[in-house]
Amino acid sequence: MVADATEIIQKSTNKTWNFDRVYSPVEDNRSIYADTASSMIESTISGFNATIFAYGQTSSGEFFMIT
């Protein structure tokens, strides 16, 4: 488990990753969308570019098509 706003350092390569927010398995898509993507969708409607990158274990549901 990674806490919010945590920096992870891989000792062997000295690479770092920063996590602004980590969601638990019990959080539903609606709450995650409201917290992350909804403001980006509004921005695209206003003409700005946006990218949503979701990472997770294969077949864990990290892919969702916005149509």
C-alpha atoms as a PDB file:
ATOM      1  CA  MET A   1       0.000   0.000   0.000  1.00  0.00           C
ATOM      2  CA  VAL A   2       1.300   3.437  -0.928  1.00  0.00           C
ATOM      3  CA  ALA A   3       0.102   6.477   0.990  1.00  0.00           C
ATOM      4  CA  ASP A   4      -1.059   9.601  -0.855  1.00  0.00           C
ATOM      5  CA  ALA A   5       1.609  12.185  -1.778  1.00  0.00           C
ATOM      6  CA  THR A   6       4.424   9.665  -1.339  1.00  0.00           C
ATOM      7  CA  GLU A   7       7.715   9.479  -3.207  1.00  0.00           C
ATOM      8  CA  ILE A   8       8.942   5.958  -3.971  1.00  0.00           C
ATOM      9  CA  ILE A   9      12.659   5.452  -4.671  1.00  0.00           C
ATOM     10  CA  GLN A  10      13.982   2.336  -6.390  1.00  0.00           C
ATOM     11  CA  LYS A  11      17.353   1.833  -4.690  1.00  0.00           C
ATOM     12  CA  SER A  12      19.059  -0.170  -7.452  1.00  0.00           C
ATOM     13  CA  THR A  13      18.523   2.537 -10.108  1.00  0.00           C
ATOM     14  CA  ASN A  14      17.829   5.607  -7.963  1.00  0.00           C
ATOM     15  CA  LYS A  15      14.649   6.248  -9.989  1.00  0.00           C
ATOM     16  CA  THR A  16      11.797   8.020  -8.213  1.00  0.00           C
ATOM     17  CA  TRP A  17       8.030   8.008  -8.638  1.00  0.00           C
ATOM     18  CA  ASN A  18       5.582  10.405  -7.031  1.00  0.00           C
ATOM     19  CA  PHE A  19       2.013   9.424  -6.263  1.00  0.00           C
ATOM     20  CA  ASP A  20      -0.498  12.231  -5.720  1.00  0.00           C
ATOM     21  CA  ARG A  21      -3.315   9.834  -4.894  1.00  0.00           C
ATOM     22  CA  VAL A  22      -3.637   6.074  -4.501  1.00  0.00           C
ATOM     23  CA  TYR A  23      -7.108   4.543  -4.630  1.00  0.00           C
ATOM     24  CA  SER A  24      -8.174   1.521  -2.642  1.00  0.00           C
ATOM     25  CA  PRO A  25      -9.943  -1.455  -4.236  1.00  0.00           C
ATOM     26  CA  VAL A  26     -13.222  -0.502  -2.519  1.00  0.00           C
ATOM     27  CA  GLU A  27     -13.511   2.888  -4.264  1.00  0.00           C
ATOM     28  CA  ASP A  28     -15.911   2.855  -7.188  1.00  0.00           C
ATOM     29  CA  ASN A  29     -15.461   4.278 -10.692  1.00  0.00           C
ATOM     30  CA  ARG A  30     -17.838   7.174 -10.018  1.00  0.00           C
ATOM     31  CA  SER A  31     -15.787   8.559  -7.111  1.00  0.00           C
ATOM     32  CA  ILE A  32     -12.496   8.118  -8.977  1.00  0.00           C
ATOM     33  CA  TYR A  33     -13.942   9.842 -12.070  1.00  0.00           C
ATOM     34  CA  ALA A  34     -15.230  12.746  -9.965  1.00  0.00           C
ATOM     35  CA  ASP A  35     -11.842  13.130  -8.267  1.00  0.00           C
ATOM     36  CA  THR A  36      -9.666  12.857 -11.382  1.00  0.00           C
ATOM     37  CA  ALA A  37     -11.167  12.919 -14.853  1.00  0.00           C
ATOM     38  CA  SER A  38     -14.230  15.153 -14.615  1.00  0.00           C
ATOM     39  CA  SER A  39     -12.236  18.412 -14.587  1.00  0.00           C
ATOM     40  CA  MET A  40     -10.130  17.181 -17.525  1.00  0.00           C
ATOM     41  CA  ILE A  41     -13.255  16.352 -19.529  1.00  0.00           C
ATOM     42  CA  GLU A  42     -14.579  19.861 -18.863  1.00  0.00           C
ATOM     43  CA  SER A  43     -11.246  21.294 -20.051  1.00  0.00           C
ATOM     44  CA  THR A  44     -11.377  19.357 -23.324  1.00  0.00           C
ATOM     45  CA  ILE A  45     -14.821  20.770 -23.990  1.00  0.00           C
ATOM     46  CA  SER A  46     -13.229  24.217 -23.576  1.00  0.00           C
ATOM     47  CA  GLY A  47     -10.573  23.337 -26.171  1.00  0.00           C
ATOM     48  CA  PHE A  48      -7.655  22.130 -24.032  1.00  0.00           C
ATOM     49  CA  ASN A  49      -5.836  18.820 -24.544  1.00  0.00           C
ATOM     50  CA  ALA A  50      -5.898  16.265 -21.733  1.00  0.00           C
ATOM     51  CA  THR A  51      -4.427  12.823 -21.136  1.00  0.00           C
ATOM     52  CA  ILE A  52      -5.658  10.318 -18.609  1.00  0.00           C
ATOM     53  CA  PHE A  53      -3.136   7.578 -17.899  1.00  0.00           C
ATOM     54  CA  ALA A  54      -4.278   4.649 -15.789  1.00  0.00           C
ATOM     55  CA  TYR A  55      -1.864   1.962 -14.695  1.00  0.00           C
ATOM     56  CA  GLY A  56      -2.716  -1.346 -13.115  1.00  0.00           C
ATOM     57  CA  GLN A  57      -2.284  -5.062 -13.264  1.00  0.00           C
ATOM     58  CA  THR A  58      -3.381  -6.581 -16.583  1.00  0.00           C
ATOM     59  CA  SER A  59      -7.135  -7.272 -16.625  1.00  0.00           C
ATOM     60  CA  SER A  60      -7.666  -5.253 -13.452  1.00  0.00           C
ATOM     61  CA  GLY A  61     -10.020  -2.805 -15.161  1.00  0.00           C
ATOM     62  CA  GLU A  62      -7.553   0.015 -15.833  1.00  0.00           C
ATOM     63  CA  PHE A  63      -8.889   0.448 -19.389  1.00  0.00           C
ATOM     64  CA  PHE A  64     -12.086   2.380 -19.939  1.00  0.00           C
ATOM     65  CA  MET A  65     -13.137   3.837 -23.282  1.00  0.00           C
ATOM     66  CA  ILE A  66     -14.506   7.363 -23.236  1.00  0.00           C
ATOM     67  CA  THR A  67     -17.008   7.695 -26.068  1.00  0.00           C
END
